[in-house]
Amino acid sequence: MAGQVGLGGRTENAHTEGYFAVVAALVIVIISAGIVVNTGFNRIDLAVRRRYGLIDASGR
């Protein structure tokens, strides 16, 4: 992956060039990806805790 620009690099380049609509769009993409990943980890965490009896079936 050497030589490829990631989302952070693209955001910085767009900011430097003054493309603020692109910066806003990339920030929305980054936030959305974070929400999706966090939701996935929360589901895995809940399943593991249920499996080992750390929480009851209601999720509390």
C-alpha atoms as a PDB file:
ATOM      1  CA  MET A   1       0.000   0.000   0.000  1.00  0.00           C
ATOM      2  CA  ALA A   2       2.993   2.280  -0.205  1.00  0.00           C
ATOM      3  CA  GLY A   3       2.293   5.399  -2.179  1.00  0.00           C
ATOM      4  CA  GLN A   4      -1.468   5.334  -1.705  1.00  0.00           C
ATOM      5  CA  VAL A   5      -3.256   8.173   0.041  1.00  0.00           C
ATOM      6  CA  GLY A   6      -5.759   7.235   2.743  1.00  0.00           C
ATOM      7  CA  LEU A   7      -8.797   9.143   3.935  1.00  0.00           C
ATOM      8  CA  GLY A   8      -6.740  11.293   6.285  1.00  0.00           C
ATOM      9  CA  GLY A   9      -4.357  12.243   3.505  1.00  0.00           C
ATOM     10  CA  ARG A  10      -7.192  13.030   1.146  1.00  0.00           C
ATOM     11  CA  THR A  11      -8.839  15.172   3.817  1.00  0.00           C
ATOM     12  CA  GLU A  12      -5.604  17.083   4.418  1.00  0.00           C
ATOM     13  CA  ASN A  13      -5.051  17.603   0.676  1.00  0.00           C
ATOM     14  CA  ALA A  14      -8.609  18.848   0.190  1.00  0.00           C
ATOM     15  CA  HIS A  15      -8.217  21.198   3.157  1.00  0.00           C
ATOM     16  CA  THR A  16      -4.938  22.557   1.818  1.00  0.00           C
ATOM     17  CA  GLU A  17      -6.446  23.124  -1.631  1.00  0.00           C
ATOM     18  CA  GLY A  18      -9.553  24.790  -0.194  1.00  0.00           C
ATOM     19  CA  TYR A  19     -12.083  22.142  -1.224  1.00  0.00           C
ATOM     20  CA  PHE A  20     -14.195  22.393   1.892  1.00  0.00           C
ATOM     21  CA  ALA A  21     -17.118  20.462   0.414  1.00  0.00           C
ATOM     22  CA  VAL A  22     -14.752  17.523  -0.086  1.00  0.00           C
ATOM     23  CA  VAL A  23     -13.467  17.899   3.482  1.00  0.00           C
ATOM     24  CA  ALA A  24     -17.035  17.826   4.818  1.00  0.00           C
ATOM     25  CA  ALA A  25     -17.891  14.776   2.706  1.00  0.00           C
ATOM     26  CA  LEU A  26     -14.795  12.896   3.877  1.00  0.00           C
ATOM     27  CA  VAL A  27     -15.529  13.744   7.508  1.00  0.00           C
ATOM     28  CA  ILE A  28     -19.030  12.316   7.065  1.00  0.00           C
ATOM     29  CA  VAL A  29     -17.543   9.147   5.527  1.00  0.00           C
ATOM     30  CA  ILE A  30     -15.066   8.776   8.405  1.00  0.00           C
ATOM     31  CA  ILE A  31     -17.786   9.289  11.032  1.00  0.00           C
ATOM     32  CA  SER A  32     -20.099   6.817   9.267  1.00  0.00           C
ATOM     33  CA  ALA A  33     -17.364   4.186   9.105  1.00  0.00           C
ATOM     34  CA  GLY A  34     -16.676   4.682  12.804  1.00  0.00           C
ATOM     35  CA  ILE A  35     -20.342   4.215  13.679  1.00  0.00           C
ATOM     36  CA  VAL A  36     -20.554   1.006  11.622  1.00  0.00           C
ATOM     37  CA  VAL A  37     -17.396  -0.445  13.185  1.00  0.00           C
ATOM     38  CA  ASN A  38     -18.527   0.529  16.691  1.00  0.00           C
ATOM     39  CA  THR A  39     -21.919  -1.119  16.147  1.00  0.00           C
ATOM     40  CA  GLY A  40     -20.220  -4.314  15.008  1.00  0.00           C
ATOM     41  CA  PHE A  41     -17.926  -4.402  18.040  1.00  0.00           C
ATOM     42  CA  ASN A  42     -20.849  -3.743  20.375  1.00  0.00           C
ATOM     43  CA  ARG A  43     -22.736  -6.723  18.949  1.00  0.00           C
ATOM     44  CA  ILE A  44     -19.690  -8.967  19.302  1.00  0.00           C
ATOM     45  CA  ASP A  45     -19.108  -7.739  22.869  1.00  0.00           C
ATOM     46  CA  LEU A  46     -22.717  -8.428  23.817  1.00  0.00           C
ATOM     47  CA  ALA A  47     -22.611 -11.928  22.300  1.00  0.00           C
ATOM     48  CA  VAL A  48     -19.388 -12.792  24.135  1.00  0.00           C
ATOM     49  CA  ARG A  49     -20.722 -11.511  27.448  1.00  0.00           C
ATOM     50  CA  ARG A  50     -23.955 -13.484  27.026  1.00  0.00           C
ATOM     51  CA  ARG A  51     -22.010 -16.631  26.135  1.00  0.00           C
ATOM     52  CA  TYR A  52     -19.916 -16.488  29.293  1.00  0.00           C
ATOM     53  CA  GLY A  53     -22.803 -15.517  31.549  1.00  0.00           C
ATOM     54  CA  LEU A  54     -21.571 -12.031  32.317  1.00  0.00           C
ATOM     55  CA  ILE A  55     -24.997 -10.553  31.531  1.00  0.00           C
ATOM     56  CA  ASP A  56     -28.474 -12.034  31.472  1.00  0.00           C
ATOM     57  CA  ALA A  57     -30.493 -12.650  28.307  1.00  0.00           C
ATOM     58  CA  SER A  58     -32.179  -9.237  28.495  1.00  0.00           C
ATOM     59  CA  GLY A  59     -28.829  -7.535  27.872  1.00  0.00           C
ATOM     60  CA  ARG A  60     -28.444  -5.859  31.280  1.00  0.00           C
END
